Amino acid sequence: MPEPCGTYEQTVLRHVLDERPTVFRLCDLVREIARDPDDFGERDGVEQAVRDLTKVGLLYRHGECVLPTPAAVYVLGMELG
């Protein structure tokens, strides 16, 4: 599980890529990634990670739905290849 200071982005991106082609709702990501989904700090960490990854083009968000962008999947392929 993520540490409070900065690995939420890695954890969120890895989780979304590992589970593709699943489309997640943001609340599902929080529930699956945060150690305590009721803890504001952990919930906020996951939500902020989704916002940041969306800003840089690695996640796509439409309302509550979150999925990886083609760029994120491409980078994953380079990593594995």
C-alpha atoms as a PDB file:
ATOM      1  CA  MET A   1       0.000   0.000   0.000  1.00  0.00           C
ATOM      2  CA  PRO A   2       1.139   3.579  -0.606  1.00  0.00           C
ATOM      3  CA  GLU A   3       3.110   5.660   1.820  1.00  0.00           C
ATOM      4  CA  PRO A   4       1.535   8.959   2.869  1.00  0.00           C
ATOM      5  CA  CYS A   5       4.241  11.050   1.176  1.00  0.00           C
ATOM      6  CA  GLY A   6       4.251  10.486  -2.511  1.00  0.00           C
ATOM      7  CA  THR A   7       3.790   7.028  -3.937  1.00  0.00           C
ATOM      8  CA  TYR A   8       0.055   7.340  -4.461  1.00  0.00           C
ATOM      9  CA  GLU A   9       0.601   8.291  -8.108  1.00  0.00           C
ATOM     10  CA  GLN A  10       2.699   5.174  -8.760  1.00  0.00           C
ATOM     11  CA  THR A  11       0.251   2.971  -6.889  1.00  0.00           C
ATOM     12  CA  VAL A  12      -2.819   4.367  -8.654  1.00  0.00           C
ATOM     13  CA  LEU A  13      -1.246   4.148 -12.110  1.00  0.00           C
ATOM     14  CA  ARG A  14       0.055   0.615 -11.547  1.00  0.00           C
ATOM     15  CA  HIS A  15      -3.341  -0.522 -10.210  1.00  0.00           C
ATOM     16  CA  VAL A  16      -5.259   0.948 -13.149  1.00  0.00           C
ATOM     17  CA  LEU A  17      -2.807  -0.510 -15.681  1.00  0.00           C
ATOM     18  CA  ASP A  18      -2.685  -3.940 -14.026  1.00  0.00           C
ATOM     19  CA  GLU A  19      -6.475  -4.216 -14.069  1.00  0.00           C
ATOM     20  CA  ARG A  20      -7.097  -2.897 -17.571  1.00  0.00           C
ATOM     21  CA  PRO A  21      -9.403  -2.969 -19.446  1.00  0.00           C
ATOM     22  CA  THR A  22     -11.436  -2.351 -16.283  1.00  0.00           C
ATOM     23  CA  VAL A  23     -12.914   1.133 -15.966  1.00  0.00           C
ATOM     24  CA  PHE A  24     -12.798   2.220 -12.334  1.00  0.00           C
ATOM     25  CA  ARG A  25     -14.978   4.621 -10.468  1.00  0.00           C
ATOM     26  CA  LEU A  26     -12.954   6.997  -8.311  1.00  0.00           C
ATOM     27  CA  CYS A  27     -14.646   5.659  -5.171  1.00  0.00           C
ATOM     28  CA  ASP A  28     -13.550   2.119  -6.146  1.00  0.00           C
ATOM     29  CA  LEU A  29      -9.938   3.235  -6.499  1.00  0.00           C
ATOM     30  CA  VAL A  30     -10.062   4.848  -3.078  1.00  0.00           C
ATOM     31  CA  ARG A  31     -11.570   1.713  -1.554  1.00  0.00           C
ATOM     32  CA  GLU A  32      -9.038  -0.598  -3.229  1.00  0.00           C
ATOM     33  CA  ILE A  33      -5.890   1.471  -2.685  1.00  0.00           C
ATOM     34  CA  ALA A  34      -6.280   3.369   0.595  1.00  0.00           C
ATOM     35  CA  ARG A  35      -5.452   1.337   3.689  1.00  0.00           C
ATOM     36  CA  ASP A  36      -8.311   3.115   5.453  1.00  0.00           C
ATOM     37  CA  PRO A  37     -10.750   4.579   2.894  1.00  0.00           C
ATOM     38  CA  ASP A  38     -12.457   6.541   5.670  1.00  0.00           C
ATOM     39  CA  ASP A  39      -9.203   8.360   6.525  1.00  0.00           C
ATOM     40  CA  PHE A  40      -9.278  11.787   4.870  1.00  0.00           C
ATOM     41  CA  GLY A  41      -5.522  11.877   4.207  1.00  0.00           C
ATOM     42  CA  GLU A  42      -5.458   8.547   2.431  1.00  0.00           C
ATOM     43  CA  ARG A  43      -8.633   9.223   0.469  1.00  0.00           C
ATOM     44  CA  ASP A  44      -7.300  12.629  -0.533  1.00  0.00           C
ATOM     45  CA  GLY A  45      -3.953  11.099  -1.545  1.00  0.00           C
ATOM     46  CA  VAL A  46      -5.643   8.755  -4.012  1.00  0.00           C
ATOM     47  CA  GLU A  47      -7.926  11.490  -5.334  1.00  0.00           C
ATOM     48  CA  GLN A  48      -4.990  13.903  -5.769  1.00  0.00           C
ATOM     49  CA  ALA A  49      -2.991  11.210  -7.555  1.00  0.00           C
ATOM     50  CA  VAL A  50      -5.861  10.729 -10.020  1.00  0.00           C
ATOM     51  CA  ARG A  51      -6.036  14.502 -10.604  1.00  0.00           C
ATOM     52  CA  ASP A  52      -2.265  14.748 -11.140  1.00  0.00           C
ATOM     53  CA  LEU A  53      -2.094  11.725 -13.446  1.00  0.00           C
ATOM     54  CA  THR A  54      -5.003  13.134 -15.436  1.00  0.00           C
ATOM     55  CA  LYS A  55      -3.225  16.490 -15.799  1.00  0.00           C
ATOM     56  CA  VAL A  56      -0.115  14.849 -17.272  1.00  0.00           C
ATOM     57  CA  GLY A  57      -2.105  12.642 -19.652  1.00  0.00           C
ATOM     58  CA  LEU A  58      -1.650   9.208 -18.065  1.00  0.00           C
ATOM     59  CA  LEU A  59      -5.228   8.801 -16.860  1.00  0.00           C
ATOM     60  CA  TYR A  60      -8.499   9.821 -18.448  1.00  0.00           C
ATOM     61  CA  ARG A  61     -11.389  10.793 -16.214  1.00  0.00           C
ATOM     62  CA  HIS A  62     -14.987  11.258 -17.252  1.00  0.00           C
ATOM     63  CA  GLY A  63     -17.132  12.047 -14.233  1.00  0.00           C
ATOM     64  CA  GLU A  64     -16.436   9.269 -11.752  1.00  0.00           C
ATOM     65  CA  CYS A  65     -14.906   6.917 -14.343  1.00  0.00           C
ATOM     66  CA  VAL A  66     -11.117   6.561 -14.472  1.00  0.00           C
ATOM     67  CA  LEU A  67      -9.077   4.641 -17.043  1.00  0.00           C
ATOM     68  CA  PRO A  68      -5.553   4.712 -18.461  1.00  0.00           C
ATOM     69  CA  THR A  69      -4.825   6.715 -21.574  1.00  0.00           C
ATOM     70  CA  PRO A  70      -3.228   5.157 -24.653  1.00  0.00           C
ATOM     71  CA  ALA A  71       0.016   6.930 -23.657  1.00  0.00           C
ATOM     72  CA  ALA A  72       0.078   5.148 -20.290  1.00  0.00           C
ATOM     73  CA  VAL A  73      -0.543   1.773 -21.936  1.00  0.00           C
ATOM     74  CA  TYR A  74       2.209   2.506 -24.473  1.00  0.00           C
ATOM     75  CA  VAL A  75       4.706   3.339 -21.726  1.00  0.00           C
ATOM     76  CA  LEU A  76       3.758   0.132 -19.913  1.00  0.00           C
ATOM     77  CA  GLY A  77       4.498  -1.802 -23.095  1.00  0.00           C
ATOM     78  CA  MET A  78       7.940  -0.194 -23.298  1.00  0.00           C
ATOM     79  CA  GLU A  79       8.559  -1.138 -19.677  1.00  0.00           C
ATOM     80  CA  LEU A  80       7.694  -4.777 -20.309  1.00  0.00           C
ATOM     81  CA  GLY A  81       9.277  -5.045 -23.722  1.00  0.00           C
END
